Amino acid sequence: MMSTKEDILQTLVVIVGVVLVSWAWKTISSIWLKPKKMEKYLREQGLKGPNYKFLYGDTKEIGRLTKEARSKPMENSHQIVPRVFPYYHQVVQQYGKMSYFWFRPMPRLIVMDPDKQMAEFNSRGVLRIGCVA
């Protein structure tokens, strides 16, 4: 009788262990392995950007620069991008008009060339000029 209870307990421990290991692997994969793989892929495609930072990406830096930009008085000019989007402005200045940054574990592309934007939208079926659906 005792051996049956022990067998059930051992089976439950093994099942819980497998579930926990599986959950841990999926978590590590989604917050570290996949972003690093995506970063490598983006760099192979010729895009430049900051390195992935674990879990938060560039969100802390985005918040810090936004707070800093809004604490200063706005200049009297039409150059509002450094005030409204200071981090994007910094990334474009540092890495170019075709670059990326990290919003948590997901990369966000910056494409400042209108022709490349149009080509990308058309290739994905996002933008269809002249079509009424």
N, C-alpha and C. Protein backbone atom coordinates (compact mmCIF):
# COMPACT_ATOMS: atom_id res chain seq x y z
N MET A 1 0.82 -1.19 0.00
CA MET A 1 0.00 0.00 0.00
C MET A 1 0.87 1.27 0.00
N MET A 2 1.96 1.25 0.79
CA MET A 2 2.83 2.41 0.86
C MET A 2 3.55 2.65 -0.46
N SER A 3 3.93 1.58 -1.12
CA SER A 3 4.67 1.74 -2.37
C SER A 3 3.82 2.41 -3.44
N THR A 4 2.52 2.17 -3.44
CA THR A 4 1.63 2.80 -4.41
C THR A 4 1.55 4.30 -4.16
N LYS A 5 1.45 4.71 -2.91
CA LYS A 5 1.42 6.14 -2.58
C LYS A 5 2.75 6.79 -2.94
N GLU A 6 3.83 6.08 -2.66
CA GLU A 6 5.15 6.62 -3.00
C GLU A 6 5.32 6.75 -4.51
N ASP A 7 4.81 5.78 -5.25
CA ASP A 7 4.87 5.84 -6.71
C ASP A 7 4.08 7.02 -7.24
N ILE A 8 2.90 7.25 -6.69
CA ILE A 8 2.07 8.39 -7.11
C ILE A 8 2.78 9.69 -6.78
N LEU A 9 3.36 9.78 -5.59
CA LEU A 9 4.07 10.99 -5.19
C LEU A 9 5.29 11.23 -6.09
N GLN A 10 6.04 10.19 -6.40
CA GLN A 10 7.19 10.34 -7.29
C GLN A 10 6.75 10.78 -8.69
N THR A 11 5.66 10.22 -9.16
CA THR A 11 5.13 10.60 -10.48
C THR A 11 4.72 12.06 -10.48
N LEU A 12 4.04 12.51 -9.43
CA LEU A 12 3.64 13.92 -9.33
C LEU A 12 4.86 14.84 -9.28
N VAL A 13 5.88 14.44 -8.53
CA VAL A 13 7.10 15.25 -8.44
C VAL A 13 7.76 15.35 -9.81
N VAL A 14 7.82 14.26 -10.54
CA VAL A 14 8.41 14.27 -11.88
C VAL A 14 7.60 15.16 -12.82
N ILE A 15 6.28 15.05 -12.77
CA ILE A 15 5.42 15.86 -13.64
C ILE A 15 5.59 17.34 -13.32
N VAL A 16 5.56 17.68 -12.03
CA VAL A 16 5.74 19.08 -11.63
C VAL A 16 7.13 19.57 -12.06
N GLY A 17 8.14 18.73 -11.90
CA GLY A 17 9.49 19.10 -12.32
C GLY A 17 9.58 19.36 -13.81
N VAL A 18 8.97 18.50 -14.60
CA VAL A 18 8.97 18.68 -16.06
C VAL A 18 8.24 19.97 -16.44
N VAL A 19 7.11 20.23 -15.81
CA VAL A 19 6.35 21.45 -16.10
C VAL A 19 7.17 22.68 -15.73
N LEU A 20 7.83 22.67 -14.57
CA LEU A 20 8.64 23.81 -14.15
C LEU A 20 9.84 24.03 -15.08
N VAL A 21 10.51 22.97 -15.47
CA VAL A 21 11.65 23.10 -16.39
C VAL A 21 11.18 23.62 -17.74
N SER A 22 10.04 23.12 -18.21
CA SER A 22 9.48 23.59 -19.48
C SER A 22 9.13 25.06 -19.41
N TRP A 23 8.49 25.48 -18.33
CA TRP A 23 8.12 26.89 -18.15
C TRP A 23 9.38 27.76 -18.08
N ALA A 24 10.39 27.30 -17.33
CA ALA A 24 11.63 28.07 -17.21
C ALA A 24 12.31 28.22 -18.57
N TRP A 25 12.34 27.15 -19.36
CA TRP A 25 12.97 27.21 -20.69
C TRP A 25 12.24 28.19 -21.59
N LYS A 26 10.91 28.14 -21.59
CA LYS A 26 10.13 29.06 -22.43
C LYS A 26 10.37 30.51 -22.00
N THR A 27 10.44 30.74 -20.70
CA THR A 27 10.67 32.09 -20.20
C THR A 27 12.05 32.59 -20.61
N ILE A 28 13.07 31.79 -20.40
CA ILE A 28 14.44 32.18 -20.78
C ILE A 28 14.53 32.40 -22.28
N SER A 29 13.87 31.55 -23.03
CA SER A 29 13.88 31.69 -24.48
C SER A 29 13.24 33.00 -24.92
N SER A 30 12.11 33.35 -24.33
CA SER A 30 11.39 34.54 -24.78
C SER A 30 12.03 35.84 -24.32
N ILE A 31 12.73 35.84 -23.18
CA ILE A 31 13.30 37.10 -22.70
C ILE A 31 14.80 37.22 -22.92
N TRP A 32 15.47 36.16 -23.41
CA TRP A 32 16.89 36.29 -23.68
C TRP A 32 17.31 35.69 -25.02
N LEU A 33 16.98 34.43 -25.26
CA LEU A 33 17.49 33.76 -26.46
C LEU A 33 16.88 34.32 -27.74
N LYS A 34 15.56 34.49 -27.79
CA LYS A 34 14.93 35.03 -29.01
C LYS A 34 15.37 36.46 -29.31
N PRO A 35 15.41 37.37 -28.31
CA PRO A 35 15.91 38.71 -28.62
C PRO A 35 17.36 38.73 -29.12
N LYS A 36 18.22 37.91 -28.54
CA LYS A 36 19.61 37.87 -29.01
C LYS A 36 19.70 37.30 -30.42
N LYS A 37 18.86 36.31 -30.72
CA LYS A 37 18.83 35.76 -32.08
C LYS A 37 18.31 36.81 -33.06
N MET A 38 17.28 37.56 -32.65
CA MET A 38 16.74 38.62 -33.50
C MET A 38 17.77 39.72 -33.71
N GLU A 39 18.51 40.06 -32.67
CA GLU A 39 19.55 41.07 -32.79
C GLU A 39 20.61 40.64 -33.80
N LYS A 40 21.02 39.39 -33.73
CA LYS A 40 22.00 38.86 -34.68
C LYS A 40 21.46 38.92 -36.11
N TYR A 41 20.20 38.56 -36.29
CA TYR A 41 19.56 38.59 -37.60
C TYR A 41 19.50 40.01 -38.14
N LEU A 42 19.11 40.97 -37.31
CA LEU A 42 19.03 42.36 -37.76
C LEU A 42 20.40 42.89 -38.17
N ARG A 43 21.41 42.54 -37.42
CA ARG A 43 22.77 42.99 -37.77
C ARG A 43 23.25 42.34 -39.06
N GLU A 44 22.88 41.08 -39.28
CA GLU A 44 23.23 40.42 -40.54
C GLU A 44 22.54 41.10 -41.72
N GLN A 45 21.38 41.69 -41.49
CA GLN A 45 20.65 42.40 -42.54
C GLN A 45 21.21 43.80 -42.78
N GLY A 46 22.20 44.21 -41.99
CA GLY A 46 22.83 45.51 -42.18
C GLY A 46 22.25 46.61 -41.33
N LEU A 47 21.33 46.29 -40.43
CA LEU A 47 20.76 47.30 -39.54
C LEU A 47 21.66 47.47 -38.33
N LYS A 48 21.66 48.68 -37.80
CA LYS A 48 22.45 48.98 -36.62
C LYS A 48 21.52 49.44 -35.51
N GLY A 49 21.95 49.22 -34.29
CA GLY A 49 21.16 49.66 -33.15
C GLY A 49 21.84 49.27 -31.86
N PRO A 50 21.26 49.69 -30.74
CA PRO A 50 21.85 49.35 -29.44
C PRO A 50 21.70 47.87 -29.14
N ASN A 51 22.59 47.35 -28.32
CA ASN A 51 22.50 45.95 -27.90
C ASN A 51 21.26 45.75 -27.04
N TYR A 52 20.74 44.52 -27.09
CA TYR A 52 19.58 44.17 -26.26
C TYR A 52 19.99 44.17 -24.79
N LYS A 53 19.16 44.80 -23.98
CA LYS A 53 19.36 44.80 -22.53
C LYS A 53 18.29 43.91 -21.92
N PHE A 54 18.70 43.02 -21.06
CA PHE A 54 17.84 41.98 -20.48
C PHE A 54 16.52 42.54 -19.95
N LEU A 55 15.45 41.95 -20.38
CA LEU A 55 14.08 42.15 -19.93
C LEU A 55 13.47 43.50 -20.31
N TYR A 56 14.16 44.61 -20.06
CA TYR A 56 13.57 45.92 -20.30
C TYR A 56 13.91 46.51 -21.66
N GLY A 57 14.93 46.00 -22.31
CA GLY A 57 15.35 46.60 -23.57
C GLY A 57 15.81 48.02 -23.32
N ASP A 58 15.31 48.95 -24.11
CA ASP A 58 15.70 50.35 -23.98
C ASP A 58 14.64 51.19 -23.28
N THR A 59 13.65 50.58 -22.65
CA THR A 59 12.55 51.35 -22.06
C THR A 59 13.01 52.28 -20.94
N LYS A 60 13.98 51.87 -20.15
CA LYS A 60 14.47 52.75 -19.08
C LYS A 60 15.14 53.98 -19.68
N GLU A 61 15.94 53.77 -20.71
CA GLU A 61 16.62 54.89 -21.37
C GLU A 61 15.61 55.81 -22.06
N ILE A 62 14.59 55.23 -22.67
CA ILE A 62 13.54 56.03 -23.32
C ILE A 62 12.87 56.93 -22.28
N GLY A 63 12.50 56.35 -21.15
CA GLY A 63 11.86 57.13 -20.08
C GLY A 63 12.75 58.22 -19.53
N ARG A 64 14.02 57.89 -19.32
CA ARG A 64 14.96 58.87 -18.78
C ARG A 64 15.15 60.05 -19.73
N LEU A 65 15.36 59.75 -21.02
CA LEU A 65 15.57 60.83 -21.98
C LEU A 65 14.31 61.66 -22.19
N THR A 66 13.14 61.02 -22.17
CA THR A 66 11.88 61.76 -22.33
C THR A 66 11.68 62.70 -21.15
N LYS A 67 11.92 62.21 -19.95
CA LYS A 67 11.77 63.05 -18.75
C LYS A 67 12.75 64.22 -18.79
N GLU A 68 13.98 63.94 -19.20
CA GLU A 68 15.00 64.98 -19.29
C GLU A 68 14.63 66.03 -20.34
N ALA A 69 14.14 65.59 -21.49
CA ALA A 69 13.78 66.53 -22.57
C ALA A 69 12.60 67.40 -22.17
N ARG A 70 11.64 66.84 -21.46
CA ARG A 70 10.45 67.61 -21.07
C ARG A 70 10.71 68.51 -19.87
N SER A 71 11.81 68.32 -19.18
CA SER A 71 12.12 69.19 -18.04
C SER A 71 12.73 70.51 -18.50
N LYS A 72 13.22 70.55 -19.73
CA LYS A 72 13.82 71.76 -20.27
C LYS A 72 12.78 72.54 -21.06
N PRO A 73 12.91 73.87 -21.12
CA PRO A 73 11.98 74.64 -21.94
C PRO A 73 12.18 74.33 -23.42
N MET A 74 11.09 74.36 -24.17
CA MET A 74 11.15 74.03 -25.60
C MET A 74 11.69 75.21 -26.39
N GLU A 75 12.55 74.90 -27.34
CA GLU A 75 13.11 75.94 -28.20
C GLU A 75 12.03 76.48 -29.12
N ASN A 76 12.22 77.70 -29.57
CA ASN A 76 11.27 78.32 -30.48
C ASN A 76 11.68 77.98 -31.92
N SER A 77 11.41 76.74 -32.31
CA SER A 77 11.73 76.30 -33.67
C SER A 77 10.79 75.17 -34.05
N HIS A 78 10.90 74.74 -35.28
CA HIS A 78 10.07 73.63 -35.76
C HIS A 78 10.74 72.27 -35.52
N GLN A 79 11.87 72.26 -34.90
CA GLN A 79 12.58 71.02 -34.59
C GLN A 79 12.02 70.43 -33.30
N ILE A 80 10.92 69.70 -33.42
CA ILE A 80 10.27 69.17 -32.22
C ILE A 80 10.63 67.72 -31.92
N VAL A 81 11.24 67.02 -32.87
CA VAL A 81 11.56 65.60 -32.67
C VAL A 81 12.46 65.38 -31.45
N PRO A 82 13.52 66.18 -31.24
CA PRO A 82 14.34 65.96 -30.04
C PRO A 82 13.56 66.13 -28.74
N ARG A 83 12.50 66.88 -28.77
CA ARG A 83 11.69 67.07 -27.56
C ARG A 83 10.63 65.98 -27.41
N VAL A 84 9.96 65.65 -28.49
CA VAL A 84 8.85 64.70 -28.42
C VAL A 84 9.36 63.26 -28.39
N PHE A 85 10.34 62.95 -29.22
CA PHE A 85 10.91 61.59 -29.30
C PHE A 85 12.42 61.64 -29.12
N PRO A 86 12.90 61.99 -27.94
CA PRO A 86 14.35 62.16 -27.78
C PRO A 86 15.16 60.89 -28.01
N TYR A 87 14.63 59.75 -27.59
CA TYR A 87 15.40 58.52 -27.76
C TYR A 87 15.49 58.13 -29.23
N TYR A 88 14.38 58.25 -29.96
CA TYR A 88 14.39 57.92 -31.40
C TYR A 88 15.37 58.84 -32.13
N HIS A 89 15.34 60.11 -31.74
CA HIS A 89 16.25 61.08 -32.35
C HIS A 89 17.70 60.67 -32.08
N GLN A 90 18.00 60.27 -30.86
CA GLN A 90 19.36 59.85 -30.51
C GLN A 90 19.77 58.60 -31.29
N VAL A 91 18.87 57.63 -31.42
CA VAL A 91 19.18 56.40 -32.15
C VAL A 91 19.47 56.72 -33.62
N VAL A 92 18.65 57.58 -34.23
CA VAL A 92 18.86 57.94 -35.63
C VAL A 92 20.18 58.68 -35.79
N GLN A 93 20.50 59.58 -34.87
CA GLN A 93 21.76 60.30 -34.94
C GLN A 93 22.96 59.36 -34.80
N GLN A 94 22.83 58.37 -33.93
CA GLN A 94 23.95 57.48 -33.64
C GLN A 94 24.08 56.32 -34.63
N TYR A 95 22.93 55.74 -35.06
CA TYR A 95 22.98 54.52 -35.87
C TYR A 95 22.49 54.69 -37.31
N GLY A 96 21.91 55.82 -37.64
CA GLY A 96 21.47 56.05 -39.00
C GLY A 96 19.96 55.96 -39.17
N LYS A 97 19.52 56.27 -40.41
CA LYS A 97 18.09 56.34 -40.70
C LYS A 97 17.43 54.97 -40.85
N MET A 98 18.21 53.92 -40.98
CA MET A 98 17.70 52.54 -40.98
C MET A 98 18.31 51.86 -39.76
N SER A 99 17.60 51.86 -38.65
CA SER A 99 18.14 51.30 -37.42
C SER A 99 17.02 50.67 -36.61
N TYR A 100 17.35 50.24 -35.42
CA TYR A 100 16.36 49.63 -34.54
C TYR A 100 16.69 49.97 -33.09
N PHE A 101 15.71 49.80 -32.22
CA PHE A 101 15.92 49.90 -30.78
C PHE A 101 15.05 48.84 -30.13
N TRP A 102 15.20 48.65 -28.83
CA TRP A 102 14.49 47.58 -28.13
C TRP A 102 13.41 48.15 -27.22
N PHE A 103 12.19 47.68 -27.42
CA PHE A 103 11.10 47.98 -26.50
C PHE A 103 10.77 46.68 -25.80
N ARG A 104 11.31 46.53 -24.60
CA ARG A 104 11.29 45.26 -23.86
C ARG A 104 11.98 44.22 -24.73
N PRO A 105 11.48 42.98 -24.86
CA PRO A 105 12.25 42.03 -25.68
C PRO A 105 11.91 42.07 -27.17
N MET A 106 11.27 43.13 -27.65
CA MET A 106 10.89 43.22 -29.06
C MET A 106 11.63 44.38 -29.74
N PRO A 107 12.27 44.11 -30.88
CA PRO A 107 12.92 45.21 -31.59
C PRO A 107 11.89 46.07 -32.31
N ARG A 108 12.16 47.35 -32.40
CA ARG A 108 11.33 48.29 -33.15
C ARG A 108 12.22 48.91 -34.22
N LEU A 109 11.77 48.83 -35.46
CA LEU A 109 12.56 49.35 -36.57
C LEU A 109 12.29 50.83 -36.78
N ILE A 110 13.32 51.54 -37.14
CA ILE A 110 13.21 52.94 -37.53
C ILE A 110 13.61 53.01 -38.99
N VAL A 111 12.67 53.39 -39.84
CA VAL A 111 12.92 53.52 -41.28
C VAL A 111 12.53 54.94 -41.66
N MET A 112 13.53 55.78 -41.91
CA MET A 112 13.28 57.19 -42.20
C MET A 112 13.23 57.49 -43.69
N ASP A 113 13.57 56.53 -44.55
CA ASP A 113 13.55 56.72 -46.00
C ASP A 113 12.15 56.40 -46.52
N PRO A 114 11.43 57.39 -47.09
CA PRO A 114 10.06 57.15 -47.54
C PRO A 114 9.93 56.04 -48.58
N ASP A 115 10.91 55.90 -49.48
CA ASP A 115 10.84 54.85 -50.49
C ASP A 115 10.93 53.46 -49.85
N LYS A 116 11.81 53.32 -48.88
CA LYS A 116 11.94 52.04 -48.19
C LYS A 116 10.71 51.75 -47.33
N GLN A 117 10.11 52.79 -46.76
CA GLN A 117 8.87 52.60 -45.99
C GLN A 117 7.78 52.08 -46.92
N MET A 118 7.65 52.70 -48.08
CA MET A 118 6.62 52.29 -49.03
C MET A 118 6.85 50.86 -49.49
N ALA A 119 8.09 50.52 -49.79
CA ALA A 119 8.40 49.16 -50.23
C ALA A 119 8.07 48.15 -49.14
N GLU A 120 8.39 48.48 -47.90
CA GLU A 120 8.11 47.56 -46.78
C GLU A 120 6.61 47.40 -46.57
N PHE A 121 5.88 48.50 -46.60
CA PHE A 121 4.43 48.41 -46.42
C PHE A 121 3.78 47.62 -47.55
N ASN A 122 4.22 47.86 -48.78
CA ASN A 122 3.65 47.14 -49.91
C ASN A 122 3.98 45.66 -49.88
N SER A 123 5.19 45.32 -49.44
CA SER A 123 5.57 43.90 -49.41
C SER A 123 4.77 43.12 -48.38
N ARG A 124 4.27 43.78 -47.38
CA ARG A 124 3.49 43.11 -46.33
C ARG A 124 1.99 43.27 -46.54
N GLY A 125 1.59 43.99 -47.58
CA GLY A 125 0.17 44.17 -47.84
C GLY A 125 -0.49 45.12 -46.87
N VAL A 126 0.30 45.98 -46.21
CA VAL A 126 -0.24 46.90 -45.22
C VAL A 126 -0.84 48.13 -45.90
N LEU A 127 -0.15 48.62 -46.90
CA LEU A 127 -0.56 49.86 -47.55
C LEU A 127 -0.86 49.58 -49.02
N ARG A 128 -2.07 49.83 -49.42
CA ARG A 128 -2.44 49.63 -50.83
C ARG A 128 -3.03 50.93 -51.35
N ILE A 129 -2.26 51.61 -52.14
CA ILE A 129 -2.69 52.88 -52.68
C ILE A 129 -3.58 52.63 -53.88
N GLY A 130 -4.72 53.28 -53.91
CA GLY A 130 -5.63 53.15 -55.04
C GLY A 130 -6.56 51.96 -54.96
N CYS A 131 -6.49 51.18 -53.92
CA CYS A 131 -7.37 50.02 -53.77
C CYS A 131 -8.44 50.31 -52.74
N VAL A 132 -9.63 49.96 -53.08
CA VAL A 132 -10.72 50.05 -52.11
C VAL A 132 -11.12 48.63 -51.76
N ALA A 133 -10.96 48.29 -50.53
CA ALA A 133 -11.25 46.91 -50.11
C ALA A 133 -12.63 46.80 -49.52
